[in-house]
């Protein structure tokens, strides 16, 4: 009879331990799923938009900055998913938030689902956009050319200059 009690006690302990482990595993899985959903929801959130006027003031180029610029730090455009334009928008947004206006691009990478652009951020006194045209010089005085008169046979003959 003593052996039967020990066997029953061992069986009861096994049921309790199995149930305890099942609850612990279930609790761990629920916690892991909750954290995963929270992380994905946070990572997929729409980034903070920047004012278009500020975004337009950012120069992104592969060239080194002018000597008057001050180094602000490292900047990157690395969206979770998207094309090169999305990476560029993210880079410009991060440059605005970083307080600079000139990005010297060092690396462009192709990731599994997106692109990444990495570079150095600078604050420059005044930077013209890379595709801006310099102001045109004032028009020079045009030299006087003699006026031409059409003659009936299709040839042109110069007119006589006006008398002074």
C-alpha atoms as a PDB file:
ATOM      1  CA  UNK A   1       0.000   0.000   0.000  1.00  0.00           C
ATOM      2  CA  UNK A   2       2.885   2.286   0.686  1.00  0.00           C
ATOM      3  CA  UNK A   3       4.147   1.881  -2.927  1.00  0.00           C
ATOM      4  CA  UNK A   4       0.686   2.793  -4.292  1.00  0.00           C
ATOM      5  CA  UNK A   5       0.703   6.064  -2.308  1.00  0.00           C
ATOM      6  CA  UNK A   6       4.124   6.986  -3.603  1.00  0.00           C
ATOM      7  CA  UNK A   7       3.054   6.232  -7.176  1.00  0.00           C
ATOM      8  CA  UNK A   8      -0.118   8.320  -6.710  1.00  0.00           C
ATOM      9  CA  UNK A   9       1.900  11.171  -5.221  1.00  0.00           C
ATOM     10  CA  UNK A  10       4.380  11.045  -8.121  1.00  0.00           C
ATOM     11  CA  UNK A  11       1.501  11.065 -10.617  1.00  0.00           C
ATOM     12  CA  UNK A  12      -0.140  14.078  -8.906  1.00  0.00           C
ATOM     13  CA  UNK A  13       3.197  15.938  -8.868  1.00  0.00           C
ATOM     14  CA  UNK A  14       3.696  15.222 -12.582  1.00  0.00           C
ATOM     15  CA  UNK A  15       0.226  16.618 -13.423  1.00  0.00           C
ATOM     16  CA  UNK A  16       0.840  19.727 -11.313  1.00  0.00           C
ATOM     17  CA  UNK A  17       4.311  20.295 -12.778  1.00  0.00           C
ATOM     18  CA  UNK A  18       3.076  19.778 -16.371  1.00  0.00           C
ATOM     19  CA  UNK A  19       0.199  22.182 -15.799  1.00  0.00           C
ATOM     20  CA  UNK A  20       2.528  24.722 -14.240  1.00  0.00           C
ATOM     21  CA  UNK A  21       4.944  24.491 -17.156  1.00  0.00           C
ATOM     22  CA  UNK A  22       2.104  24.753 -19.658  1.00  0.00           C
ATOM     23  CA  UNK A  23       0.860  27.921 -17.982  1.00  0.00           C
ATOM     24  CA  UNK A  24       4.408  29.340 -17.854  1.00  0.00           C
ATOM     25  CA  UNK A  25       5.014  28.570 -21.530  1.00  0.00           C
ATOM     26  CA  UNK A  26       1.609  29.979 -22.503  1.00  0.00           C
ATOM     27  CA  UNK A  27       2.260  33.120 -20.462  1.00  0.00           C
ATOM     28  CA  UNK A  28       5.705  33.518 -22.092  1.00  0.00           C
ATOM     29  CA  UNK A  29       4.256  33.099 -25.586  1.00  0.00           C
ATOM     30  CA  UNK A  30       1.516  35.659 -24.921  1.00  0.00           C
ATOM     31  CA  UNK A  31       4.079  38.136 -23.592  1.00  0.00           C
ATOM     32  CA  UNK A  32       6.316  37.579 -26.616  1.00  0.00           C
ATOM     33  CA  UNK A  33       3.407  38.059 -29.040  1.00  0.00           C
ATOM     34  CA  UNK A  34       2.318  41.250 -27.263  1.00  0.00           C
ATOM     35  CA  UNK A  35       5.824  42.694 -27.411  1.00  0.00           C
ATOM     36  CA  UNK A  36       6.170  41.751 -31.090  1.00  0.00           C
ATOM     37  CA  UNK A  37       2.889  43.462 -31.989  1.00  0.00           C
ATOM     38  CA  UNK A  38       3.895  46.573 -30.027  1.00  0.00           C
ATOM     39  CA  UNK A  39       7.310  46.696 -31.715  1.00  0.00           C
ATOM     40  CA  UNK A  40       5.830  46.312 -35.184  1.00  0.00           C
ATOM     41  CA  UNK A  41       3.195  48.953 -34.526  1.00  0.00           C
ATOM     42  CA  UNK A  42       5.843  51.385 -33.321  1.00  0.00           C
ATOM     43  CA  UNK A  43       8.258  50.641 -36.167  1.00  0.00           C
ATOM     44  CA  UNK A  44       5.605  50.920 -38.867  1.00  0.00           C
ATOM     45  CA  UNK A  45       4.235  54.219 -37.619  1.00  0.00           C
ATOM     46  CA  UNK A  46       4.339  57.118 -40.016  1.00  0.00           C
ATOM     47  CA  UNK A  47       7.425  59.250 -39.339  1.00  0.00           C
ATOM     48  CA  UNK A  48       7.035  62.815 -38.169  1.00  0.00           C
ATOM     49  CA  UNK A  49       6.447  65.012 -41.221  1.00  0.00           C
ATOM     50  CA  UNK A  50       8.646  68.048 -41.767  1.00  0.00           C
ATOM     51  CA  UNK A  51       7.645  71.400 -43.134  1.00  0.00           C
ATOM     52  CA  UNK A  52       8.133  71.449 -46.945  1.00  0.00           C
ATOM     53  CA  UNK A  53       9.995  74.780 -46.792  1.00  0.00           C
ATOM     54  CA  UNK A  54      12.570  73.253 -44.428  1.00  0.00           C
ATOM     55  CA  UNK A  55      12.848  70.073 -46.498  1.00  0.00           C
ATOM     56  CA  UNK A  56      13.479  72.162 -49.632  1.00  0.00           C
ATOM     57  CA  UNK A  57      16.385  73.932 -47.902  1.00  0.00           C
ATOM     58  CA  UNK A  58      18.381  70.676 -47.510  1.00  0.00           C
ATOM     59  CA  UNK A  59      21.121  70.006 -50.067  1.00  0.00           C
ATOM     60  CA  UNK A  60      21.898  66.305 -50.596  1.00  0.00           C
ATOM     61  CA  UNK A  61      24.981  65.634 -52.708  1.00  0.00           C
ATOM     62  CA  UNK A  62      27.981  63.343 -53.014  1.00  0.00           C
ATOM     63  CA  UNK A  63      30.302  66.382 -52.956  1.00  0.00           C
ATOM     64  CA  UNK A  64      32.215  67.592 -49.924  1.00  0.00           C
ATOM     65  CA  UNK A  65      30.717  70.656 -48.203  1.00  0.00           C
ATOM     66  CA  UNK A  66      32.057  74.190 -48.579  1.00  0.00           C
ATOM     67  CA  UNK A  67      34.771  75.143 -46.103  1.00  0.00           C
ATOM     68  CA  UNK A  68      32.475  77.475 -44.129  1.00  0.00           C
ATOM     69  CA  UNK A  69      30.225  74.563 -43.069  1.00  0.00           C
ATOM     70  CA  UNK A  70      30.173  73.070 -39.569  1.00  0.00           C
ATOM     71  CA  UNK A  71      29.978  69.293 -39.052  1.00  0.00           C
ATOM     72  CA  UNK A  72      26.796  68.315 -37.168  1.00  0.00           C
ATOM     73  CA  UNK A  73      27.062  64.524 -37.122  1.00  0.00           C
ATOM     74  CA  UNK A  74      26.072  61.358 -38.902  1.00  0.00           C
ATOM     75  CA  UNK A  75      22.695  61.146 -40.687  1.00  0.00           C
ATOM     76  CA  UNK A  76      20.891  58.343 -42.470  1.00  0.00           C
ATOM     77  CA  UNK A  77      17.766  57.646 -44.455  1.00  0.00           C
ATOM     78  CA  UNK A  78      16.808  54.083 -43.695  1.00  0.00           C
ATOM     79  CA  UNK A  79      13.070  53.348 -44.019  1.00  0.00           C
ATOM     80  CA  UNK A  80      11.718  49.940 -43.024  1.00  0.00           C
ATOM     81  CA  UNK A  81      10.402  49.397 -46.566  1.00  0.00           C
ATOM     82  CA  UNK A  82      10.421  51.571 -49.667  1.00  0.00           C
ATOM     83  CA  UNK A  83      12.285  52.688 -52.743  1.00  0.00           C
ATOM     84  CA  UNK A  84      15.156  55.141 -53.186  1.00  0.00           C
ATOM     85  CA  UNK A  85      12.772  58.119 -53.016  1.00  0.00           C
ATOM     86  CA  UNK A  86      11.511  56.946 -49.625  1.00  0.00           C
ATOM     87  CA  UNK A  87      15.100  56.641 -48.361  1.00  0.00           C
ATOM     88  CA  UNK A  88      15.821  60.168 -49.663  1.00  0.00           C
ATOM     89  CA  UNK A  89      12.727  61.562 -47.897  1.00  0.00           C
ATOM     90  CA  UNK A  90      13.809  59.864 -44.669  1.00  0.00           C
ATOM     91  CA  UNK A  91      17.340  61.287 -45.058  1.00  0.00           C
ATOM     92  CA  UNK A  92      16.012  64.821 -45.614  1.00  0.00           C
ATOM     93  CA  UNK A  93      13.640  64.471 -42.645  1.00  0.00           C
ATOM     94  CA  UNK A  94      16.489  63.340 -40.391  1.00  0.00           C
ATOM     95  CA  UNK A  95      18.696  66.179 -41.669  1.00  0.00           C
ATOM     96  CA  UNK A  96      16.005  68.733 -40.781  1.00  0.00           C
ATOM     97  CA  UNK A  97      15.554  67.176 -37.343  1.00  0.00           C
ATOM     98  CA  UNK A  98      19.357  67.164 -36.903  1.00  0.00           C
ATOM     99  CA  UNK A  99      19.564  70.915 -37.526  1.00  0.00           C
ATOM    100  CA  UNK A 100      21.728  70.852 -40.669  1.00  0.00           C
ATOM    101  CA  UNK A 101      21.159  71.935 -44.251  1.00  0.00           C
ATOM    102  CA  UNK A 102      23.860  70.062 -46.222  1.00  0.00           C
ATOM    103  CA  UNK A 103      24.286  66.278 -46.480  1.00  0.00           C
ATOM    104  CA  UNK A 104      27.414  64.772 -47.999  1.00  0.00           C
ATOM    105  CA  UNK A 105      26.371  61.223 -48.990  1.00  0.00           C
ATOM    106  CA  UNK A 106      28.931  58.517 -48.227  1.00  0.00           C
ATOM    107  CA  UNK A 107      27.032  55.249 -48.856  1.00  0.00           C
ATOM    108  CA  UNK A 108      23.904  54.126 -50.712  1.00  0.00           C
ATOM    109  CA  UNK A 109      22.878  50.542 -49.921  1.00  0.00           C
ATOM    110  CA  UNK A 110      20.209  48.194 -51.207  1.00  0.00           C
ATOM    111  CA  UNK A 111      18.611  46.249 -48.360  1.00  0.00           C
ATOM    112  CA  UNK A 112      16.119  43.387 -48.555  1.00  0.00           C
ATOM    113  CA  UNK A 113      13.005  45.577 -48.678  1.00  0.00           C
ATOM    114  CA  UNK A 114      14.374  49.111 -49.045  1.00  0.00           C
ATOM    115  CA  UNK A 115      17.364  51.362 -49.624  1.00  0.00           C
ATOM    116  CA  UNK A 116      19.569  53.090 -47.075  1.00  0.00           C
ATOM    117  CA  UNK A 117      21.429  56.372 -47.602  1.00  0.00           C
ATOM    118  CA  UNK A 118      24.137  57.296 -45.094  1.00  0.00           C
ATOM    119  CA  UNK A 119      26.139  60.489 -44.928  1.00  0.00           C
ATOM    120  CA  UNK A 120      27.484  63.385 -42.917  1.00  0.00           C
ATOM    121  CA  UNK A 121      25.324  66.321 -41.890  1.00  0.00           C
ATOM    122  CA  UNK A 122      26.635  69.889 -41.979  1.00  0.00           C
ATOM    123  CA  UNK A 123      25.255  73.328 -41.137  1.00  0.00           C
ATOM    124  CA  UNK A 124      26.293  75.786 -43.835  1.00  0.00           C
ATOM    125  CA  UNK A 125      25.775  79.580 -43.835  1.00  0.00           C
ATOM    126  CA  UNK A 126      24.060  79.557 -47.237  1.00  0.00           C
ATOM    127  CA  UNK A 127      24.008  76.738 -49.757  1.00  0.00           C
ATOM    128  CA  UNK A 128      22.453  76.971 -53.200  1.00  0.00           C
ATOM    129  CA  UNK A 129      20.572  73.832 -54.254  1.00  0.00           C
ATOM    130  CA  UNK A 130      22.751  71.683 -56.557  1.00  0.00           C
ATOM    131  CA  UNK A 131      20.475  72.115 -59.571  1.00  0.00           C
ATOM    132  CA  UNK A 132      19.936  75.852 -59.123  1.00  0.00           C
ATOM    133  CA  UNK A 133      21.128  78.082 -61.937  1.00  0.00           C
ATOM    134  CA  UNK A 134      23.463  80.954 -61.042  1.00  0.00           C
ATOM    135  CA  UNK A 135      21.959  84.378 -61.644  1.00  0.00           C
ATOM    136  CA  UNK A 136      22.383  85.444 -65.239  1.00  0.00           C
ATOM    137  CA  UNK A 137      24.640  88.439 -65.909  1.00  0.00           C
ATOM    138  CA  UNK A 138      23.017  91.662 -67.096  1.00  0.00           C
ATOM    139  CA  UNK A 139      22.534  91.789 -70.860  1.00  0.00           C
ATOM    140  CA  UNK A 140      25.485  93.262 -72.708  1.00  0.00           C
ATOM    141  CA  UNK A 141      24.987  96.036 -75.238  1.00  0.00           C
ATOM    142  CA  UNK A 142      24.171  94.441 -78.573  1.00  0.00           C
ATOM    143  CA  UNK A 143      26.345  95.617 -81.471  1.00  0.00           C
ATOM    144  CA  UNK A 144      24.499  97.502 -84.170  1.00  0.00           C
ATOM    145  CA  UNK A 145      24.109  95.403 -87.303  1.00  0.00           C
ATOM    146  CA  UNK A 146      23.090  96.977 -90.555  1.00  0.00           C
ATOM    147  CA  UNK A 147      19.461  96.314 -91.360  1.00  0.00           C
ATOM    148  CA  UNK A 148      18.744  94.121 -94.342  1.00  0.00           C
ATOM    149  CA  UNK A 149      16.203  94.752 -97.079  1.00  0.00           C
ATOM    150  CA  UNK A 150      14.649  91.967 -99.146  1.00  0.00           C
ATOM    151  CA  UNK A 151      14.910  92.489-102.878  1.00  0.00           C
ATOM    152  CA  UNK A 152      12.507  90.924-105.419  1.00  0.00           C
ATOM    153  CA  UNK A 153      14.877  88.186-106.680  1.00  0.00           C
ATOM    154  CA  UNK A 154      15.236  86.629-103.180  1.00  0.00           C
ATOM    155  CA  UNK A 155      18.650  88.088-102.394  1.00  0.00           C
ATOM    156  CA  UNK A 156      19.175  90.415 -99.508  1.00  0.00           C
ATOM    157  CA  UNK A 157      20.836  93.793 -99.925  1.00  0.00           C
ATOM    158  CA  UNK A 158      22.051  95.955 -97.059  1.00  0.00           C
ATOM    159  CA  UNK A 159      20.194  99.185 -96.443  1.00  0.00           C
ATOM    160  CA  UNK A 160      22.029 102.404 -96.285  1.00  0.00           C
ATOM    161  CA  UNK A 161      22.568 103.613 -92.737  1.00  0.00           C
ATOM    162  CA  UNK A 162      20.497 106.646 -91.798  1.00  0.00           C
ATOM    163  CA  UNK A 163      22.161 109.980 -92.311  1.00  0.00           C
ATOM    164  CA  UNK A 164      23.314 111.872 -89.262  1.00  0.00           C
END
